Amino acid sequence: MVGVAGRSRGCKTCRQARVKCDDAYPICKRCSRLKLTCSGRNPYPVFVDGLSHLQIRAEDDDNCLPSQQGDVPRGICRTPIATIRRPPTANYNEIFLSHLVKNLLSEKGIGDQSSRITDWVVATTQSNLQTPTSQLAVGAFAAGYYGKRLSDHAAMNQGSLLYVRALREIQRDLRHPERVVETMTLASSLFLAGYEITTFDNTSGWLTHFLGIGQLVKFRGPHRHQTGIDRDLFLAVRSSVALAYLVRKKRCFLEEFAWKIIPWAANPGLKNSTDYLFDIFCDLPSIMEDINILQGSPVASDYSTTPLWKALGDRIMTCLQSLYQWRVEWQEKFPETYYPVGLDRLRDMKAAQLESYPFSIAIFFTEPIRATEICLYNCMQILLFRALDRIPRSVVPKMTPSSLYPRGIIHMVNPSLLLSPGEGSIETFTSEICRMVYFQLLSYPGSSGAMQLMFPLQVASRNVHPESRTSKWLTGIIALVADGYGLGAVKFADKIFADTDSFIVV
């Protein structure tokens, strides 16, 4: 996985002299005192092996292949994978990749019942364009996902071997001054993250990986993500990078103005409703970090901290106001994109866990991306409401109706389906997320809809009463996403949020 530790970040001048560097920027104190040329901090992100279930020997395993007798492959001391039924061949590799693209890397077009493959997936999986690293990373992801979803132990074993080899190759790429900023290096990182989300059973692997991808994106800079595949890759990783910072309660560089403007500078018209929503989402990590810092201060309740709490309360309300303004514009642009679906129709569609479903209807959409947007919108409302609960009430400003609706009250086509902007509570936000789950699972190709639900399901499950019908239904849905759709990270995210993010928990 991508890692953030294990390698000195001191300037090269101090590292060559084998002395401690204070990491000051742009010139460290030692170089300044001795009037030396300071080479600056090492900007390169580092990839560390995060296989919690594999212990890698020092010997080279480039020629390792699983044996037909089910022996443990050379180079691996311990693996959870059971006996191997057959060694995969080149033909199987094509099957693995086809299965991955069809079931996880495709999306539904607006107003179209067919699915399409995104441009960045097409470009980065073409053999004539792949680098040795990206070829290994794609192979690991494809074999691992196929093996996990279909219980094919040989495929899982091949995926783990390719993953180890891809990690070694990407370490070389990140040390190379030119390859570190290449498009395929970022693509390889994303494919390795996909492998971890689908196959890892630890609690923090994929989060650590996306923190590392964030370092790589930051090092590349916003200007490298303005066109073509580079921008598509940036949009593909942006939400996950921001989520990783949010869970760790660390300020995210994506909140900076340049990252919200420059990637679309060449063609501002390409920035859509989802992009604007993610702009707001990237502001949340810094809010959670500041709450954590203030609450952990020994003078947190002292009168002297009141101005700090007030400034933080103003930021939260400004973020909520931006969120409500986004929702108003969404309603004006997409007023008739959602509709109710009854239980009988859900039975005809063979919806899972329907016997414990606590609602009389589900919410479906004519455009799949709109469901993803409203799910994230509700998650952000829940997080911001929880944030307000953690600051003194005396410093929370009031939001007036005129600030929410500067152009007047908007017309809701189905007011009983979706909440109006600025209305609702944590309970109703959670209910709205739950009522959109079946659309995500039944309308997207393969597991792609289930992947969109991983974060909303975790937020919803933490904001319902543990003994309620909704909680029991959510538990069944999460198990379905983990085991039936091959996305094990959704189940193990439970410990992540419980240990590090009390603001999500009821």
Foldseek 3Di string as FASTA:
>chain_A
DFAADDDDFAWPVCVVVVHDFPQDPPATPVCVVVVHDTRHTDLFTARDDDQPFWDFDPDDCPVWWQDCQQDDIPRTDGHPFGRANDTDDPVVLVVLLVCCQQAAQWWCDFLDLDIGGDPLVVQLPDPVNHDPLSVLLSSLLSLCLVCQQVVRRNSNSSSVVSLVVSSVVLNVLRVDPPSLLDPNSLVSLVSSLSSCQQHPQAQCVSLSSLCSSLSSDVVNPLQQQQDDSSVVSCVVSLQSNLVSLQLQLHQGPCLDPCNLDNSPVVPVVVQDLVSLLSNLSNRNSPLSNLLVVLVPDPCNVPPVCLVVLLVSLVVLVVSLLSLLLSLLVVCVVPQPFKDKDALVVCVVLVPPLSVLDPDGIAMAGSGVVVLLSLLVSLLSVLLSVLSCVSGDPVSRDDDDPCSNCVPDDDDHPCCVLDPRRPDDDNVVSLVNNSRHLRNLVRSTGHLNSVVSCLVSLLLSLQRDPCPDSVNVSSVVVLVCSVRNRSRVNSVSNNVSCVPRPCSSHD
